[in-house]
C-alpha cells in the first residue's frame, strides 16, 4: 500500500494552501481589488507540471494538488468561490523537465 497517511497528506495540503494564499496576498504582487473573479467575471485555470525525470506520469494524479491550490486561491480572496460559475474549467498539462531534482508547478488563470 503506497498511500500516504492522512496526517502527512493533510500537512502537505495545508502547506500548498498557505503558499498559494501568501502568493496572492504578497504586497509585491500589485493585484487589482479582490476578488478578481466572480460569477460575472469567470476564469479558467491551467496547471502545468514540470517533472524532474522523464518517467511517465498520470496527469489525473495532479487533481489533489490542484484542489489544494484552488482552495488557497479561494481563501486568499482571488475569486469569490471556486464553483462552476466562477471557474469555468480546469486543465492539467505536462510542461517538460523541471531542470532540477524537484517538481515545478505553474498555474495560469485567464478570464473567459
PDB file of N, CA and C in Angstrom:
ATOM      1  N   UNK A   1       0.837  -1.178   0.000  1.00  0.00           N
ATOM      2  CA  UNK A   1       0.000   0.000   0.000  1.00  0.00           C
ATOM      3  C   UNK A   1       0.884   1.244   0.000  1.00  0.00           C
ATOM      4  N   UNK A   2       0.870   1.981  -1.091  1.00  0.00           N
ATOM      5  CA  UNK A   2       1.700   3.170  -1.227  1.00  0.00           C
ATOM      6  C   UNK A   2       0.978   4.445  -0.805  1.00  0.00           C
ATOM      7  N   UNK A   3      -0.196   4.316  -0.239  1.00  0.00           N
ATOM      8  CA  UNK A   3      -0.952   5.509   0.135  1.00  0.00           C
ATOM      9  C   UNK A   3      -0.294   6.226   1.304  1.00  0.00           C
ATOM     10  N   UNK A   4      -0.337   7.546   1.229  1.00  0.00           N
ATOM     11  CA  UNK A   4       0.218   8.374   2.277  1.00  0.00           C
ATOM     12  C   UNK A   4      -0.734   8.396   3.480  1.00  0.00           C
ATOM     13  N   UNK A   5      -0.184   8.434   4.680  1.00  0.00           N
ATOM     14  CA  UNK A   5      -1.003   8.542   5.883  1.00  0.00           C
ATOM     15  C   UNK A   5      -1.758   9.868   5.839  1.00  0.00           C
ATOM     16  N   UNK A   6      -3.003   9.868   6.308  1.00  0.00           N
ATOM     17  CA  UNK A   6      -3.844  11.056   6.155  1.00  0.00           C
ATOM     18  C   UNK A   6      -3.290  12.274   6.888  1.00  0.00           C
ATOM     19  N   UNK A   7      -2.542  12.084   7.983  1.00  0.00           N
ATOM     20  CA  UNK A   7      -1.936  13.234   8.675  1.00  0.00           C
ATOM     21  C   UNK A   7      -0.850  13.871   7.810  1.00  0.00           C
ATOM     22  N   UNK A   8      -0.059  13.035   7.186  1.00  0.00           N
ATOM     23  CA  UNK A   8       1.003  13.533   6.307  1.00  0.00           C
ATOM     24  C   UNK A   8       0.392  14.246   5.105  1.00  0.00           C
ATOM     25  N   UNK A   9      -0.648  13.662   4.539  1.00  0.00           N
ATOM     26  CA  UNK A   9      -1.333  14.270   3.399  1.00  0.00           C
ATOM     27  C   UNK A   9      -1.942  15.616   3.795  1.00  0.00           C
ATOM     28  N   UNK A  10      -2.555  15.699   4.959  1.00  0.00           N
ATOM     29  CA  UNK A  10      -3.173  16.944   5.426  1.00  0.00           C
ATOM     30  C   UNK A  10      -2.137  18.050   5.594  1.00  0.00           C
ATOM     31  N   UNK A  11      -0.943  17.709   6.079  1.00  0.00           N
ATOM     32  CA  UNK A  11       0.124  18.709   6.236  1.00  0.00           C
ATOM     33  C   UNK A  11       0.552  19.265   4.882  1.00  0.00           C
ATOM     34  N   UNK A  12       0.661  18.403   3.891  1.00  0.00           N
ATOM     35  CA  UNK A  12       1.053  18.845   2.550  1.00  0.00           C
ATOM     36  C   UNK A  12      -0.021  19.748   1.959  1.00  0.00           C
ATOM     37  N   UNK A  13      -1.281  19.374   2.116  1.00  0.00           N
ATOM     38  CA  UNK A  13      -2.384  20.185   1.591  1.00  0.00           C
ATOM     39  C   UNK A  13      -2.396  21.555   2.264  1.00  0.00           C
ATOM     40  N   UNK A  14      -2.225  21.604   3.574  1.00  0.00           N
ATOM     41  CA  UNK A  14      -2.198  22.884   4.292  1.00  0.00           C
ATOM     42  C   UNK A  14      -1.040  23.751   3.809  1.00  0.00           C
ATOM     43  N   UNK A  15       0.110  23.141   3.560  1.00  0.00           N
ATOM     44  CA  UNK A  15       1.266  23.900   3.081  1.00  0.00           C
ATOM     45  C   UNK A  15       1.014  24.463   1.681  1.00  0.00           C
ATOM     46  N   UNK A  16       0.404  23.681   0.805  1.00  0.00           N
ATOM     47  CA  UNK A  16       0.060  24.184  -0.531  1.00  0.00           C
ATOM     48  C   UNK A  16      -0.912  25.353  -0.440  1.00  0.00           C
ATOM     49  N   UNK A  17      -1.911  25.248   0.425  1.00  0.00           N
ATOM     50  CA  UNK A  17      -2.866  26.345   0.611  1.00  0.00           C
ATOM     51  C   UNK A  17      -2.161  27.593   1.135  1.00  0.00           C
ATOM     52  N   UNK A  18      -1.250  27.418   2.100  1.00  0.00           N
ATOM     53  CA  UNK A  18      -0.535  28.549   2.696  1.00  0.00           C
ATOM     54  C   UNK A  18       0.335  29.255   1.659  1.00  0.00           C
ATOM     55  N   UNK A  19       1.049  28.488   0.873  1.00  0.00           N
ATOM     56  CA  UNK A  19       1.907  29.069  -0.163  1.00  0.00           C
ATOM     57  C   UNK A  19       1.065  29.846  -1.165  1.00  0.00           C
ATOM     58  N   UNK A  20      -0.034  29.253  -1.602  1.00  0.00           N
ATOM     59  CA  UNK A  20      -0.918  29.914  -2.560  1.00  0.00           C
ATOM     60  C   UNK A  20      -1.487  31.195  -1.976  1.00  0.00           C
ATOM     61  N   UNK A  21      -1.988  31.137  -0.759  1.00  0.00           N
ATOM     62  CA  UNK A  21      -2.543  32.308  -0.080  1.00  0.00           C
ATOM     63  C   UNK A  21      -1.502  33.425  -0.023  1.00  0.00           C
ATOM     64  N   UNK A  22      -0.278  33.085   0.396  1.00  0.00           N
ATOM     65  CA  UNK A  22       0.781  34.087   0.524  1.00  0.00           C
ATOM     66  C   UNK A  22       1.179  34.689  -0.814  1.00  0.00           C
ATOM     67  N   UNK A  23       1.149  33.908  -1.880  1.00  0.00           N
ATOM     68  CA  UNK A  23       1.474  34.447  -3.199  1.00  0.00           C
ATOM     69  C   UNK A  23       0.450  35.482  -3.641  1.00  0.00           C
ATOM     70  N   UNK A  24      -0.817  35.229  -3.362  1.00  0.00           N
ATOM     71  CA  UNK A  24      -1.869  36.174  -3.753  1.00  0.00           C
ATOM     72  C   UNK A  24      -1.813  37.415  -2.874  1.00  0.00           C
ATOM     73  N   UNK A  25      -1.615  37.230  -1.585  1.00  0.00           N
ATOM     74  CA  UNK A  25      -1.648  38.343  -0.632  1.00  0.00           C
ATOM     75  C   UNK A  25      -0.321  39.076  -0.486  1.00  0.00           C
ATOM     76  N   UNK A  26       0.723  38.636  -1.175  1.00  0.00           N
ATOM     77  CA  UNK A  26       2.030  39.283  -1.112  1.00  0.00           C
ATOM     78  C   UNK A  26       1.902  40.720  -1.606  1.00  0.00           C
ATOM     79  N   UNK A  27       2.318  41.709  -0.804  1.00  0.00           N
ATOM     80  CA  UNK A  27       2.180  43.107  -1.225  1.00  0.00           C
ATOM     81  C   UNK A  27       2.985  43.446  -2.480  1.00  0.00           C
ATOM     82  N   UNK A  28       3.979  42.627  -2.817  1.00  0.00           N
ATOM     83  CA  UNK A  28       4.755  42.880  -4.033  1.00  0.00           C
ATOM     84  C   UNK A  28       3.954  42.556  -5.288  1.00  0.00           C
ATOM     85  N   UNK A  29       2.918  41.727  -5.150  1.00  0.00           N
ATOM     86  CA  UNK A  29       2.036  41.419  -6.275  1.00  0.00           C
ATOM     87  C   UNK A  29       0.960  42.491  -6.319  1.00  0.00           C
ATOM     88  N   UNK A  30       1.066  43.394  -7.258  1.00  0.00           N
ATOM     89  CA  UNK A  30       0.113  44.509  -7.312  1.00  0.00           C
ATOM     90  C   UNK A  30      -1.145  44.066  -8.049  1.00  0.00           C
ATOM     91  N   UNK A  31      -2.017  43.384  -7.322  1.00  0.00           N
ATOM     92  CA  UNK A  31      -3.274  42.922  -7.902  1.00  0.00           C
ATOM     93  C   UNK A  31      -4.338  43.995  -7.750  1.00  0.00           C
ATOM     94  N   UNK A  32      -5.317  43.926  -8.634  1.00  0.00           N
ATOM     95  CA  UNK A  32      -6.463  44.810  -8.518  1.00  0.00           C
ATOM     96  C   UNK A  32      -7.217  44.469  -7.235  1.00  0.00           C
ATOM     97  N   UNK A  33      -8.287  45.176  -7.003  1.00  0.00           N
ATOM     98  CA  UNK A  33      -9.132  44.890  -5.846  1.00  0.00           C
ATOM     99  C   UNK A  33      -9.646  43.448  -5.942  1.00  0.00           C
ATOM    100  N   UNK A  34      -9.540  42.732  -4.836  1.00  0.00           N
ATOM    101  CA  UNK A  34     -10.002  41.343  -4.803  1.00  0.00           C
ATOM    102  C   UNK A  34     -11.479  41.298  -4.449  1.00  0.00           C
ATOM    103  N   UNK A  35     -12.253  40.350  -4.897  1.00  0.00           N
ATOM    104  CA  UNK A  35     -11.871  39.254  -5.782  1.00  0.00           C
ATOM    105  C   UNK A  35     -11.768  39.710  -7.237  1.00  0.00           C
ATOM    106  N   UNK A  36     -10.817  39.125  -7.943  1.00  0.00           N
ATOM    107  CA  UNK A  36     -10.659  39.419  -9.366  1.00  0.00           C
ATOM    108  C   UNK A  36     -11.712  38.715 -10.200  1.00  0.00           C
ATOM    109  N   UNK A  37     -12.179  37.562  -9.709  1.00  0.00           N
ATOM    110  CA  UNK A  37     -13.128  36.759 -10.476  1.00  0.00           C
ATOM    111  C   UNK A  37     -14.349  36.442  -9.623  1.00  0.00           C
ATOM    112  N   UNK A  38     -15.511  36.469 -10.276  1.00  0.00           N
ATOM    113  CA  UNK A  38     -16.769  36.087  -9.632  1.00  0.00           C
ATOM    114  C   UNK A  38     -17.709  35.592 -10.723  1.00  0.00           C
ATOM    115  N   UNK A  39     -18.980  35.430 -10.424  1.00  0.00           N
ATOM    116  CA  UNK A  39     -19.908  34.859 -11.410  1.00  0.00           C
ATOM    117  C   UNK A  39     -20.121  35.773 -12.612  1.00  0.00           C
ATOM    118  N   UNK A  40     -19.782  37.061 -12.500  1.00  0.00           N
ATOM    119  CA  UNK A  40     -19.908  37.971 -13.644  1.00  0.00           C
ATOM    120  C   UNK A  40     -18.595  38.110 -14.407  1.00  0.00           C
ATOM    121  N   UNK A  41     -17.513  37.623 -13.840  1.00  0.00           N
ATOM    122  CA  UNK A  41     -16.191  37.679 -14.472  1.00  0.00           C
ATOM    123  C   UNK A  41     -15.512  36.332 -14.208  1.00  0.00           C
ATOM    124  N   UNK A  42     -15.785  35.368 -15.077  1.00  0.00           N
ATOM    125  CA  UNK A  42     -15.325  33.991 -14.876  1.00  0.00           C
ATOM    126  C   UNK A  42     -13.895  33.794 -15.386  1.00  0.00           C
ATOM    127  N   UNK A  43     -13.322  32.639 -15.045  1.00  0.00           N
ATOM    128  CA  UNK A  43     -11.946  32.349 -15.445  1.00  0.00           C
ATOM    129  C   UNK A  43     -11.773  30.863 -15.748  1.00  0.00           C
ATOM    130  N   UNK A  44     -10.605  30.549 -16.296  1.00  0.00           N
ATOM    131  CA  UNK A  44     -10.183  29.163 -16.486  1.00  0.00           C
ATOM    132  C   UNK A  44      -8.826  29.008 -15.810  1.00  0.00           C
ATOM    133  N   UNK A  45      -8.506  27.794 -15.382  1.00  0.00           N
ATOM    134  CA  UNK A  45      -7.260  27.531 -14.672  1.00  0.00           C
ATOM    135  C   UNK A  45      -6.516  26.405 -15.381  1.00  0.00           C
ATOM    136  N   UNK A  46      -5.234  26.629 -15.657  1.00  0.00           N
ATOM    137  CA  UNK A  46      -4.376  25.611 -16.251  1.00  0.00           C
ATOM    138  C   UNK A  46      -3.218  25.338 -15.305  1.00  0.00           C
ATOM    139  N   UNK A  47      -3.034  24.075 -14.939  1.00  0.00           N
ATOM    140  CA  UNK A  47      -1.915  23.660 -14.103  1.00  0.00           C
ATOM    141  C   UNK A  47      -0.918  22.933 -14.997  1.00  0.00           C
ATOM    142  N   UNK A  48       0.284  23.478 -15.090  1.00  0.00           N
ATOM    143  CA  UNK A  48       1.349  22.859 -15.874  1.00  0.00           C
ATOM    144  C   UNK A  48       2.363  22.281 -14.902  1.00  0.00           C
ATOM    145  N   UNK A  49       2.677  21.006 -15.070  1.00  0.00           N
ATOM    146  CA  UNK A  49       3.641  20.350 -14.186  1.00  0.00           C
ATOM    147  C   UNK A  49       4.919  20.053 -14.966  1.00  0.00           C
ATOM    148  N   UNK A  50       6.032  20.380 -14.346  1.00  0.00           N
ATOM    149  CA  UNK A  50       7.357  20.089 -14.881  1.00  0.00           C
ATOM    150  C   UNK A  50       7.969  19.047 -13.954  1.00  0.00           C
ATOM    151  N   UNK A  51       8.400  17.934 -14.512  1.00  0.00           N
ATOM    152  CA  UNK A  51       8.881  16.811 -13.708  1.00  0.00           C
ATOM    153  C   UNK A  51      10.409  16.774 -13.670  1.00  0.00           C
ATOM    154  N   UNK A  52      10.974  16.164 -12.621  1.00  0.00           N
ATOM    155  CA  UNK A  52      12.431  16.086 -12.525  1.00  0.00           C
ATOM    156  C   UNK A  52      13.043  15.009 -13.413  1.00  0.00           C
ATOM    157  N   UNK A  53      12.236  14.042 -13.850  1.00  0.00           N
ATOM    158  CA  UNK A  53      12.739  12.949 -14.684  1.00  0.00           C
ATOM    159  C   UNK A  53      11.817  12.751 -15.878  1.00  0.00           C
ATOM    160  N   UNK A  54      12.254  11.893 -16.794  1.00  0.00           N
ATOM    161  CA  UNK A  54      11.455  11.605 -17.992  1.00  0.00           C
ATOM    162  C   UNK A  54      10.441  10.488 -17.767  1.00  0.00           C
ATOM    163  N   UNK A  55      10.304  10.035 -16.526  1.00  0.00           N
ATOM    164  CA  UNK A  55       9.352   8.951 -16.250  1.00  0.00           C
ATOM    165  C   UNK A  55       7.947   9.369 -16.647  1.00  0.00           C
ATOM    166  N   UNK A  56       7.174   8.397 -17.085  1.00  0.00           N
ATOM    167  CA  UNK A  56       5.774   8.668 -17.433  1.00  0.00           C
ATOM    168  C   UNK A  56       5.008   9.062 -16.185  1.00  0.00           C
ATOM    169  N   UNK A  57       4.053   9.971 -16.361  1.00  0.00           N
ATOM    170  CA  UNK A  57       3.225  10.369 -15.225  1.00  0.00           C
ATOM    171  C   UNK A  57       1.773  10.462 -15.670  1.00  0.00           C
ATOM    172  N   UNK A  58       0.886  10.323 -14.731  1.00  0.00           N
ATOM    173  CA  UNK A  58      -0.548  10.355 -14.985  1.00  0.00           C
ATOM    174  C   UNK A  58      -1.080  11.731 -14.586  1.00  0.00           C
ATOM    175  N   UNK A  59      -1.523  12.552 -15.544  1.00  0.00           N
ATOM    176  CA  UNK A  59      -1.985  13.905 -15.224  1.00  0.00           C
ATOM    177  C   UNK A  59      -3.129  13.948 -14.213  1.00  0.00           C
ATOM    178  N   UNK A  60      -3.968  12.919 -14.179  1.00  0.00           N
ATOM    179  CA  UNK A  60      -5.077  12.910 -13.223  1.00  0.00           C
ATOM    180  C   UNK A  60      -4.599  12.873 -11.776  1.00  0.00           C
ATOM    181  N   UNK A  61      -3.374  12.414 -11.555  1.00  0.00           N
ATOM    182  CA  UNK A  61      -2.840  12.395 -10.195  1.00  0.00           C
ATOM    183  C   UNK A  61      -2.581  13.800  -9.658  1.00  0.00           C
ATOM    184  N   UNK A  62      -2.641  14.802 -10.517  1.00  0.00           N
ATOM    185  CA  UNK A  62      -2.448  16.187 -10.085  1.00  0.00           C
ATOM    186  C   UNK A  62      -3.693  16.777  -9.440  1.00  0.00           C
ATOM    187  N   UNK A  63      -4.827  16.113  -9.557  1.00  0.00           N
ATOM    188  CA  UNK A  63      -6.084  16.679  -9.070  1.00  0.00           C
ATOM    189  C   UNK A  63      -6.028  17.090  -7.597  1.00  0.00           C
ATOM    190  N   UNK A  64      -5.516  16.272  -6.674  1.00  0.00           N
ATOM    191  CA  UNK A  64      -5.475  16.717  -5.277  1.00  0.00           C
ATOM    192  C   UNK A  64      -4.599  17.953  -5.072  1.00  0.00           C
ATOM    193  N   UNK A  65      -3.511  18.050  -5.842  1.00  0.00           N
ATOM    194  CA  UNK A  65      -2.640  19.218  -5.751  1.00  0.00           C
ATOM    195  C   UNK A  65      -3.359  20.453  -6.251  1.00  0.00           C
ATOM    196  N   UNK A  66      -4.021  20.338  -7.396  1.00  0.00           N
ATOM    197  CA  UNK A  66      -4.752  21.482  -7.936  1.00  0.00           C
ATOM    198  C   UNK A  66      -5.878  21.888  -6.996  1.00  0.00           C
ATOM    199  N   UNK A  67      -6.551  20.932  -6.387  1.00  0.00           N
ATOM    200  CA  UNK A  67      -7.641  21.254  -5.454  1.00  0.00           C
ATOM    201  C   UNK A  67      -7.118  22.078  -4.282  1.00  0.00           C
ATOM    202  N   UNK A  68      -5.974  21.706  -3.724  1.00  0.00           N
ATOM    203  CA  UNK A  68      -5.394  22.466  -2.613  1.00  0.00           C
ATOM    204  C   UNK A  68      -5.018  23.878  -3.052  1.00  0.00           C
ATOM    205  N   UNK A  69      -4.462  24.007  -4.256  1.00  0.00           N
ATOM    206  CA  UNK A  69      -4.101  25.327  -4.781  1.00  0.00           C
ATOM    207  C   UNK A  69      -5.354  26.164  -5.004  1.00  0.00           C
ATOM    208  N   UNK A  70      -6.385  25.562  -5.577  1.00  0.00           N
ATOM    209  CA  UNK A  70      -7.647  26.282  -5.812  1.00  0.00           C
ATOM    210  C   UNK A  70      -8.248  26.747  -4.487  1.00  0.00           C
ATOM    211  N   UNK A  71      -8.220  25.902  -3.467  1.00  0.00           N
ATOM    212  CA  UNK A  71      -8.730  26.297  -2.154  1.00  0.00           C
ATOM    213  C   UNK A  71      -7.914  27.453  -1.576  1.00  0.00           C
ATOM    214  N   UNK A  72      -6.611  27.443  -1.798  1.00  0.00           N
ATOM    215  CA  UNK A  72      -5.765  28.557  -1.355  1.00  0.00           C
ATOM    216  C   UNK A  72      -6.139  29.851  -2.046  1.00  0.00           C
ATOM    217  N   UNK A  73      -6.455  29.775  -3.341  1.00  0.00           N
ATOM    218  CA  UNK A  73      -6.904  30.972  -4.061  1.00  0.00           C
ATOM    219  C   UNK A  73      -8.232  31.476  -3.505  1.00  0.00           C
ATOM    220  N   UNK A  74      -9.132  30.556  -3.178  1.00  0.00           N
ATOM    221  CA  UNK A  74     -10.427  30.947  -2.613  1.00  0.00           C
ATOM    222  C   UNK A  74     -10.229  31.612  -1.256  1.00  0.00           C
ATOM    223  N   UNK A  75      -9.407  31.012  -0.397  1.00  0.00           N
ATOM    224  CA  UNK A  75      -9.163  31.567   0.934  1.00  0.00           C
ATOM    225  C   UNK A  75      -8.471  32.924   0.875  1.00  0.00           C
ATOM    226  N   UNK A  76      -7.665  33.161  -0.157  1.00  0.00           N
ATOM    227  CA  UNK A  76      -6.963  34.442  -0.291  1.00  0.00           C
ATOM    228  C   UNK A  76      -7.864  35.542  -0.833  1.00  0.00           C
ATOM    229  N   UNK A  77      -9.020  35.156  -1.385  1.00  0.00           N
ATOM    230  CA  UNK A  77      -9.937  36.146  -1.931  1.00  0.00           C
ATOM    231  C   UNK A  77      -9.725  36.437  -3.404  1.00  0.00           C
ATOM    232  N   UNK A  78      -8.898  35.634  -4.095  1.00  0.00           N
ATOM    233  CA  UNK A  78      -8.661  35.864  -5.521  1.00  0.00           C
ATOM    234  C   UNK A  78      -9.957  35.780  -6.304  1.00  0.00           C
ATOM    235  N   UNK A  79     -10.814  34.845  -5.925  1.00  0.00           N
ATOM    236  CA  UNK A  79     -12.145  34.751  -6.520  1.00  0.00           C
ATOM    237  C   UNK A  79     -13.163  34.528  -5.411  1.00  0.00           C
ATOM    238  N   UNK A  80     -14.406  34.791  -5.745  1.00  0.00           N
ATOM    239  CA  UNK A  80     -15.458  34.695  -4.733  1.00  0.00           C
ATOM    240  C   UNK A  80     -15.708  33.255  -4.300  1.00  0.00           C
ATOM    241  N   UNK A  81     -15.546  32.316  -5.202  1.00  0.00           N
ATOM    242  CA  UNK A  81     -15.741  30.893  -4.921  1.00  0.00           C
ATOM    243  C   UNK A  81     -15.111  30.128  -6.074  1.00  0.00           C
ATOM    244  N   UNK A  82     -14.816  28.852  -5.864  1.00  0.00           N
ATOM    245  CA  UNK A  82     -14.243  28.059  -6.960  1.00  0.00           C
ATOM    246  C   UNK A  82     -15.294  27.151  -7.583  1.00  0.00           C
ATOM    247  N   UNK A  83     -16.538  27.607  -7.593  1.00  0.00           N
ATOM    248  CA  UNK A  83     -17.608  26.811  -8.201  1.00  0.00           C
ATOM    249  C   UNK A  83     -17.625  26.990  -9.720  1.00  0.00           C
ATOM    250  N   UNK A  84     -18.540  26.299 -10.393  1.00  0.00           N
ATOM    251  CA  UNK A  84     -18.580  26.281 -11.859  1.00  0.00           C
ATOM    252  C   UNK A  84     -18.981  27.622 -12.477  1.00  0.00           C
ATOM    253  N   UNK A  85     -19.568  28.517 -11.709  1.00  0.00           N
ATOM    254  CA  UNK A  85     -19.923  29.828 -12.251  1.00  0.00           C
ATOM    255  C   UNK A  85     -18.713  30.755 -12.315  1.00  0.00           C
ATOM    256  N   UNK A  86     -17.732  30.526 -11.470  1.00  0.00           N
ATOM    257  CA  UNK A  86     -16.538  31.372 -11.416  1.00  0.00           C
ATOM    258  C   UNK A  86     -15.390  30.731 -12.195  1.00  0.00           C
ATOM    259  N   UNK A  87     -15.118  29.462 -11.932  1.00  0.00           N
ATOM    260  CA  UNK A  87     -14.059  28.726 -12.629  1.00  0.00           C
ATOM    261  C   UNK A  87     -14.746  27.824 -13.645  1.00  0.00           C
ATOM    262  N   UNK A  88     -14.709  28.239 -14.905  1.00  0.00           N
ATOM    263  CA  UNK A  88     -15.436  27.513 -15.952  1.00  0.00           C
ATOM    264  C   UNK A  88     -14.804  26.165 -16.271  1.00  0.00           C
ATOM    265  N   UNK A  89     -13.476  26.095 -16.270  1.00  0.00           N
ATOM    266  CA  UNK A  89     -12.826  24.798 -16.472  1.00  0.00           C
ATOM    267  C   UNK A  89     -11.406  24.826 -15.932  1.00  0.00           C
ATOM    268  N   UNK A  90     -10.905  23.624 -15.638  1.00  0.00           N
ATOM    269  CA  UNK A  90      -9.519  23.443 -15.227  1.00  0.00           C
ATOM    270  C   UNK A  90      -8.871  22.456 -16.191  1.00  0.00           C
ATOM    271  N   UNK A  91      -7.572  22.635 -16.370  1.00  0.00           N
ATOM    272  CA  UNK A  91      -6.842  21.778 -17.305  1.00  0.00           C
ATOM    273  C   UNK A  91      -5.492  21.439 -16.684  1.00  0.00           C
ATOM    274  N   UNK A  92      -5.048  20.202 -16.851  1.00  0.00           N
ATOM    275  CA  UNK A  92      -3.728  19.758 -16.424  1.00  0.00           C
ATOM    276  C   UNK A  92      -2.908  19.511 -17.685  1.00  0.00           C
ATOM    277  N   UNK A  93      -1.641  19.892 -17.642  1.00  0.00           N
ATOM    278  CA  UNK A  93      -0.788  19.587 -18.790  1.00  0.00           C
ATOM    279  C   UNK A  93       0.651  19.377 -18.332  1.00  0.00           C
ATOM    280  N   UNK A  94       1.381  18.620 -19.149  1.00  0.00           N
ATOM    281  CA  UNK A  94       2.786  18.350 -18.894  1.00  0.00           C
ATOM    282  C   UNK A  94       3.606  19.447 -19.551  1.00  0.00           C
ATOM    283  N   UNK A  95       4.570  20.007 -18.822  1.00  0.00           N
ATOM    284  CA  UNK A  95       5.370  21.108 -19.347  1.00  0.00           C
ATOM    285  C   UNK A  95       6.791  20.741 -19.703  1.00  0.00           C
ATOM    286  N   UNK A  96       7.199  19.506 -19.430  1.00  0.00           N
ATOM    287  CA  UNK A  96       8.564  19.101 -19.729  1.00  0.00           C
ATOM    288  C   UNK A  96       9.350  18.867 -18.451  1.00  0.00           C
ATOM    289  N   UNK A  97      10.660  18.881 -18.585  1.00  0.00           N
ATOM    290  CA  UNK A  97      11.532  18.643 -17.437  1.00  0.00           C
ATOM    291  C   UNK A  97      11.706  19.928 -16.629  1.00  0.00           C
ATOM    292  N   UNK A  98      11.804  19.774 -15.322  1.00  0.00           N
ATOM    293  CA  UNK A  98      11.931  20.934 -14.438  1.00  0.00           C
ATOM    294  C   UNK A  98      13.347  21.494 -14.412  1.00  0.00           C
ATOM    295  N   UNK A  99      14.327  20.677 -14.776  1.00  0.00           N
ATOM    296  CA  UNK A  99      15.711  21.134 -14.743  1.00  0.00           C
ATOM    297  C   UNK A  99      16.327  21.056 -13.350  1.00  0.00           C
ATOM    298  N   UNK A 100      15.570  20.538 -12.390  1.00  0.00           N
ATOM    299  CA  UNK A 100      16.062  20.359 -11.024  1.00  0.00           C
ATOM    300  C   UNK A 100      15.663  18.965 -10.550  1.00  0.00           C
ATOM    301  N   UNK A 101      15.956  18.666  -9.293  1.00  0.00           N
ATOM    302  CA  UNK A 101      15.569  17.374  -8.725  1.00  0.00           C
ATOM    303  C   UNK A 101      14.170  17.419  -8.129  1.00  0.00           C
ATOM    304  N   UNK A 102      13.448  18.495  -8.381  1.00  0.00           N
ATOM    305  CA  UNK A 102      12.106  18.658  -7.813  1.00  0.00           C
ATOM    306  C   UNK A 102      11.094  18.929  -8.921  1.00  0.00           C
ATOM    307  N   UNK A 103       9.837  18.759  -8.574  1.00  0.00           N
ATOM    308  CA  UNK A 103       8.758  19.128  -9.489  1.00  0.00           C
ATOM    309  C   UNK A 103       8.608  20.642  -9.475  1.00  0.00           C
ATOM    310  N   UNK A 104       8.082  21.191 -10.549  1.00  0.00           N
ATOM    311  CA  UNK A 104       7.742  22.616 -10.602  1.00  0.00           C
ATOM    312  C   UNK A 104       6.331  22.723 -11.149  1.00  0.00           C
ATOM    313  N   UNK A 105       5.527  23.567 -10.545  1.00  0.00           N
ATOM    314  CA  UNK A 105       4.155  23.779 -10.989  1.00  0.00           C
ATOM    315  C   UNK A 105       3.973  25.222 -11.421  1.00  0.00           C
ATOM    316  N   UNK A 106       3.240  25.406 -12.501  1.00  0.00           N
ATOM    317  CA  UNK A 106       2.841  26.741 -12.938  1.00  0.00           C
ATOM    318  C   UNK A 106       1.329  26.752 -13.035  1.00  0.00           C
ATOM    319  N   UNK A 107       0.722  27.788 -12.492  1.00  0.00           N
ATOM    320  CA  UNK A 107      -0.726  27.936 -12.542  1.00  0.00           C
ATOM    321  C   UNK A 107      -1.031  29.174 -13.367  1.00  0.00           C
ATOM    322  N   UNK A 108      -1.782  28.994 -14.442  1.00  0.00           N
ATOM    323  CA  UNK A 108      -2.203  30.108 -15.293  1.00  0.00           C
ATOM    324  C   UNK A 108      -3.702  30.290 -15.138  1.00  0.00           C
ATOM    325  N   UNK A 109      -4.094  31.528 -14.847  1.00  0.00           N
ATOM    326  CA  UNK A 109      -5.507  31.859 -14.683  1.00  0.00           C
ATOM    327  C   UNK A 109      -5.849  32.902 -15.731  1.00  0.00           C
ATOM    328  N   UNK A 110      -6.860  32.607 -16.537  1.00  0.00           N
ATOM    329  CA  UNK A 110      -7.260  33.524 -17.605  1.00  0.00           C
ATOM    330  C   UNK A 110      -8.743  33.823 -17.500  1.00  0.00           C
ATOM    331  N   UNK A 111      -9.091  35.054 -17.805  1.00  0.00           N
ATOM    332  CA  UNK A 111     -10.500  35.421 -17.843  1.00  0.00           C
ATOM    333  C   UNK A 111     -11.135  34.813 -19.084  1.00  0.00           C
ATOM    334  N   UNK A 112     -12.350  34.301 -18.944  1.00  0.00           N
ATOM    335  CA  UNK A 112     -13.064  33.725 -20.097  1.00  0.00           C
ATOM    336  C   UNK A 112     -14.350  34.472 -20.349  1.00  0.00           C
TER     337      UNK A 112
END
